[in-house]
Every structure is written in structure tokens, then in C-alpha cells.
Amino acid sequence: MEEFKIEGDYIELMALLKALGIAETGGHAKHIVDAGEVIRNGQIESRRRAKIIPGDQIQIQDIAINLK
């Protein structure tokens, strides 16, 4: 499991995907979210601008990320 430290109170999901290098562009990030590929705390996250906070767990395909 990878770890990612959030600077501030939260990070928007699309920004997180780009920061992790999972999405190359904003359009690519939208496609990943719209395709239902993001699991947040065990539930599919379909909101592109969802506020991801420390303690959340994100899974995309075989990549698991714990947010600090």
C-alpha cells in the first residue's frame, strides 16, 4: 500500500489522481472517475471533485493508497 500526504485539509479527487501520476491530464482523470475505477473507503467514488481527506483509502485497479 502506498501512502500520500495531503497538504492542507483535503485534496480534490482529480488533483490527487494527477499528483499520484495515475492520470496524465485532467481529461484522463475525468475518464478514470467516470468509468467507476476509483474506490474510496470501499465504495465507488463517482464525484470528480470529491474532497479526499486524511484517513481515506483509495483503490484504483491494483493500486491502494492510504492518505495521511
C-alpha atoms as a PDB file:
ATOM      1  CA  MET A   1       0.000   0.000   0.000  1.00  0.00           C
ATOM      2  CA  GLU A   2       1.304   3.414  -0.965  1.00  0.00           C
ATOM      3  CA  GLU A   3       0.974   6.491   1.230  1.00  0.00           C
ATOM      4  CA  PHE A   4       0.279  10.074   0.158  1.00  0.00           C
ATOM      5  CA  LYS A   5       0.467  13.074   2.490  1.00  0.00           C
ATOM      6  CA  ILE A   6      -2.201  15.703   1.929  1.00  0.00           C
ATOM      7  CA  GLU A   7      -1.074  19.313   2.299  1.00  0.00           C
ATOM      8  CA  GLY A   8      -3.987  21.177   3.910  1.00  0.00           C
ATOM      9  CA  ASP A   9      -7.404  19.832   4.895  1.00  0.00           C
ATOM     10  CA  TYR A  10      -8.201  17.940   1.676  1.00  0.00           C
ATOM     11  CA  ILE A  11      -7.335  17.340  -1.972  1.00  0.00           C
ATOM     12  CA  GLU A  12      -9.862  17.014  -4.789  1.00  0.00           C
ATOM     13  CA  LEU A  13     -10.007  13.553  -6.346  1.00  0.00           C
ATOM     14  CA  MET A  14      -8.955  14.658  -9.834  1.00  0.00           C
ATOM     15  CA  ALA A  15      -5.982  16.571  -8.396  1.00  0.00           C
ATOM     16  CA  LEU A  16      -4.997  13.501  -6.381  1.00  0.00           C
ATOM     17  CA  LEU A  17      -5.039  11.280  -9.466  1.00  0.00           C
ATOM     18  CA  LYS A  18      -2.750  13.729 -11.261  1.00  0.00           C
ATOM     19  CA  ALA A  19      -0.448  14.163  -8.230  1.00  0.00           C
ATOM     20  CA  LEU A  20      -0.028  10.392  -7.946  1.00  0.00           C
ATOM     21  CA  GLY A  21       0.789  10.114 -11.645  1.00  0.00           C
ATOM     22  CA  ILE A  22      -2.204   7.823 -12.239  1.00  0.00           C
ATOM     23  CA  ALA A  23      -3.778  10.378 -14.606  1.00  0.00           C
ATOM     24  CA  GLU A  24      -1.659  12.296 -17.071  1.00  0.00           C
ATOM     25  CA  THR A  25      -4.198  15.087 -17.642  1.00  0.00           C
ATOM     26  CA  GLY A  26      -7.451  16.410 -16.227  1.00  0.00           C
ATOM     27  CA  GLY A  27      -9.331  14.705 -19.058  1.00  0.00           C
ATOM     28  CA  HIS A  28      -7.679  11.402 -18.231  1.00  0.00           C
ATOM     29  CA  ALA A  29      -8.620  11.863 -14.550  1.00  0.00           C
ATOM     30  CA  LYS A  30     -12.257  12.518 -15.539  1.00  0.00           C
ATOM     31  CA  HIS A  31     -12.303   9.325 -17.588  1.00  0.00           C
ATOM     32  CA  ILE A  32     -10.942   7.262 -14.684  1.00  0.00           C
ATOM     33  CA  VAL A  33     -13.578   8.624 -12.285  1.00  0.00           C
ATOM     34  CA  ASP A  34     -16.438   8.383 -14.800  1.00  0.00           C
ATOM     35  CA  ALA A  35     -15.517   4.765 -15.569  1.00  0.00           C
ATOM     36  CA  GLY A  36     -16.055   3.863 -11.895  1.00  0.00           C
ATOM     37  CA  GLU A  37     -12.431   2.840 -11.388  1.00  0.00           C
ATOM     38  CA  VAL A  38     -11.941   4.731  -8.100  1.00  0.00           C
ATOM     39  CA  ILE A  39     -12.891   3.026  -4.843  1.00  0.00           C
ATOM     40  CA  ARG A  40     -12.925   5.305  -1.783  1.00  0.00           C
ATOM     41  CA  ASN A  41     -13.233   3.627   1.605  1.00  0.00           C
ATOM     42  CA  GLY A  42     -14.824   0.569  -0.016  1.00  0.00           C
ATOM     43  CA  GLN A  43     -17.359   2.494  -2.171  1.00  0.00           C
ATOM     44  CA  ILE A  44     -17.168   3.605  -5.799  1.00  0.00           C
ATOM     45  CA  GLU A  45     -16.440   7.341  -5.872  1.00  0.00           C
ATOM     46  CA  SER A  46     -18.139   8.994  -8.840  1.00  0.00           C
ATOM     47  CA  ARG A  47     -17.704  12.647  -7.833  1.00  0.00           C
ATOM     48  CA  ARG A  48     -14.806  14.117  -9.770  1.00  0.00           C
ATOM     49  CA  ARG A  49     -14.202  16.877  -7.238  1.00  0.00           C
ATOM     50  CA  ALA A  50     -14.787  14.793  -4.112  1.00  0.00           C
ATOM     51  CA  LYS A  51     -12.786  16.145  -1.186  1.00  0.00           C
ATOM     52  CA  ILE A  52     -10.338  13.428  -0.199  1.00  0.00           C
ATOM     53  CA  ILE A  53      -9.237  13.813   3.421  1.00  0.00           C
ATOM     54  CA  PRO A  54      -6.528  12.266   5.601  1.00  0.00           C
ATOM     55  CA  GLY A  55      -7.552   8.761   6.665  1.00  0.00           C
ATOM     56  CA  ASP A  56      -9.317   7.958   3.390  1.00  0.00           C
ATOM     57  CA  GLN A  57      -8.234   4.886   1.481  1.00  0.00           C
ATOM     58  CA  ILE A  58      -8.305   4.969  -2.305  1.00  0.00           C
ATOM     59  CA  GLN A  59      -8.013   1.970  -4.596  1.00  0.00           C
ATOM     60  CA  ILE A  60      -7.619   2.162  -8.355  1.00  0.00           C
ATOM     61  CA  GLN A  61      -7.266  -1.193 -10.105  1.00  0.00           C
ATOM     62  CA  ASP A  62      -4.429  -2.892  -8.171  1.00  0.00           C
ATOM     63  CA  ILE A  63      -3.075   0.302  -6.580  1.00  0.00           C
ATOM     64  CA  ALA A  64      -4.039   1.051  -2.973  1.00  0.00           C
ATOM     65  CA  ILE A  65      -3.288   4.444  -1.439  1.00  0.00           C
ATOM     66  CA  ASN A  66      -3.576   5.447   2.207  1.00  0.00           C
ATOM     67  CA  LEU A  67      -3.903   9.204   2.674  1.00  0.00           C
ATOM     68  CA  LYS A  68      -2.180  10.920   5.587  1.00  0.00           C
END
